[in-house]
Amino acid sequence: GGTTGIDWRATTEEQMNKWGVKYHELIMGKPEADFFIDDKGVTLDEIRERIT
């Protein structure tokens, strides 16, 4: 985690594999930028609608 300094990659991959989540690439963290505006909250239901 960016705040905790803990690398959660192995834990995240293990959990996703346990749940059967298919993925091509796992990118951790936010991209580097001078400013980052995260104003697009999306619910899990909205994500499901977009991919199905």
C-alpha atoms as a PDB file:
ATOM      1  CA  GLY A   1       0.000   0.000   0.000  1.00  0.00           C
ATOM      2  CA  GLY A   2       1.088   3.495  -0.788  1.00  0.00           C
ATOM      3  CA  THR A   3       0.258   4.666   2.697  1.00  0.00           C
ATOM      4  CA  THR A   4       1.224   1.613   4.763  1.00  0.00           C
ATOM      5  CA  GLY A   5       4.325   0.646   2.782  1.00  0.00           C
ATOM      6  CA  ILE A   6       3.099  -2.956   2.743  1.00  0.00           C
ATOM      7  CA  ASP A   7       3.320  -4.840  -0.574  1.00  0.00           C
ATOM      8  CA  TRP A   8      -0.124  -6.443  -0.944  1.00  0.00           C
ATOM      9  CA  ARG A   9       0.543  -8.008  -4.385  1.00  0.00           C
ATOM     10  CA  ALA A  10       0.918 -11.627  -3.217  1.00  0.00           C
ATOM     11  CA  THR A  11      -2.127 -11.369  -0.947  1.00  0.00           C
ATOM     12  CA  THR A  12      -4.200  -9.757  -3.701  1.00  0.00           C
ATOM     13  CA  GLU A  13      -3.168 -12.356  -6.307  1.00  0.00           C
ATOM     14  CA  GLU A  14      -3.909 -15.203  -3.891  1.00  0.00           C
ATOM     15  CA  GLN A  15      -7.350 -13.816  -3.085  1.00  0.00           C
ATOM     16  CA  MET A  16      -8.226 -13.196  -6.746  1.00  0.00           C
ATOM     17  CA  ASN A  17      -7.146 -16.725  -7.688  1.00  0.00           C
ATOM     18  CA  LYS A  18      -9.176 -18.163  -4.794  1.00  0.00           C
ATOM     19  CA  TRP A  19     -12.260 -16.299  -6.046  1.00  0.00           C
ATOM     20  CA  GLY A  20     -11.633 -17.380  -9.653  1.00  0.00           C
ATOM     21  CA  VAL A  21     -11.122 -13.813 -10.888  1.00  0.00           C
ATOM     22  CA  LYS A  22      -9.631 -13.797 -14.387  1.00  0.00           C
ATOM     23  CA  TYR A  23      -7.134 -11.066 -15.187  1.00  0.00           C
ATOM     24  CA  HIS A  24      -4.327 -10.392 -17.639  1.00  0.00           C
ATOM     25  CA  GLU A  25      -2.283  -7.985 -15.569  1.00  0.00           C
ATOM     26  CA  LEU A  26      -2.357  -6.704 -12.008  1.00  0.00           C
ATOM     27  CA  ILE A  27      -1.239  -3.111 -11.607  1.00  0.00           C
ATOM     28  CA  MET A  28      -0.830  -1.968  -8.030  1.00  0.00           C
ATOM     29  CA  GLY A  29      -0.918   1.635  -6.869  1.00  0.00           C
ATOM     30  CA  LYS A  30      -1.949   4.833  -8.565  1.00  0.00           C
ATOM     31  CA  PRO A  31      -0.047   6.325 -11.491  1.00  0.00           C
ATOM     32  CA  GLU A  32       2.522   8.995 -10.734  1.00  0.00           C
ATOM     33  CA  ALA A  33       1.220  12.514 -11.274  1.00  0.00           C
ATOM     34  CA  ASP A  34       1.521  16.006  -9.880  1.00  0.00           C
ATOM     35  CA  PHE A  35      -2.226  15.971  -9.236  1.00  0.00           C
ATOM     36  CA  PHE A  36      -4.649  13.054  -9.138  1.00  0.00           C
ATOM     37  CA  ILE A  37      -8.415  13.613  -9.047  1.00  0.00           C
ATOM     38  CA  ASP A  38     -10.428  10.504  -8.234  1.00  0.00           C
ATOM     39  CA  ASP A  39     -13.978  11.768  -8.602  1.00  0.00           C
ATOM     40  CA  LYS A  40     -15.544   8.836 -10.432  1.00  0.00           C
ATOM     41  CA  GLY A  41     -16.825   6.470  -7.772  1.00  0.00           C
ATOM     42  CA  VAL A  42     -18.112   3.260  -9.363  1.00  0.00           C
ATOM     43  CA  THR A  43     -20.017   0.516  -7.589  1.00  0.00           C
ATOM     44  CA  LEU A  44     -19.401  -3.189  -8.158  1.00  0.00           C
ATOM     45  CA  ASP A  45     -22.843  -3.457  -9.793  1.00  0.00           C
ATOM     46  CA  GLU A  46     -21.887  -0.714 -12.285  1.00  0.00           C
ATOM     47  CA  ILE A  47     -18.668  -2.544 -13.139  1.00  0.00           C
ATOM     48  CA  ARG A  48     -20.591  -5.777 -13.700  1.00  0.00           C
ATOM     49  CA  GLU A  49     -23.029  -3.979 -16.012  1.00  0.00           C
ATOM     50  CA  ARG A  50     -20.141  -2.578 -18.059  1.00  0.00           C
ATOM     51  CA  ILE A  51     -18.406  -5.924 -18.591  1.00  0.00           C
ATOM     52  CA  THR A  52     -21.430  -8.147 -19.219  1.00  0.00           C
END
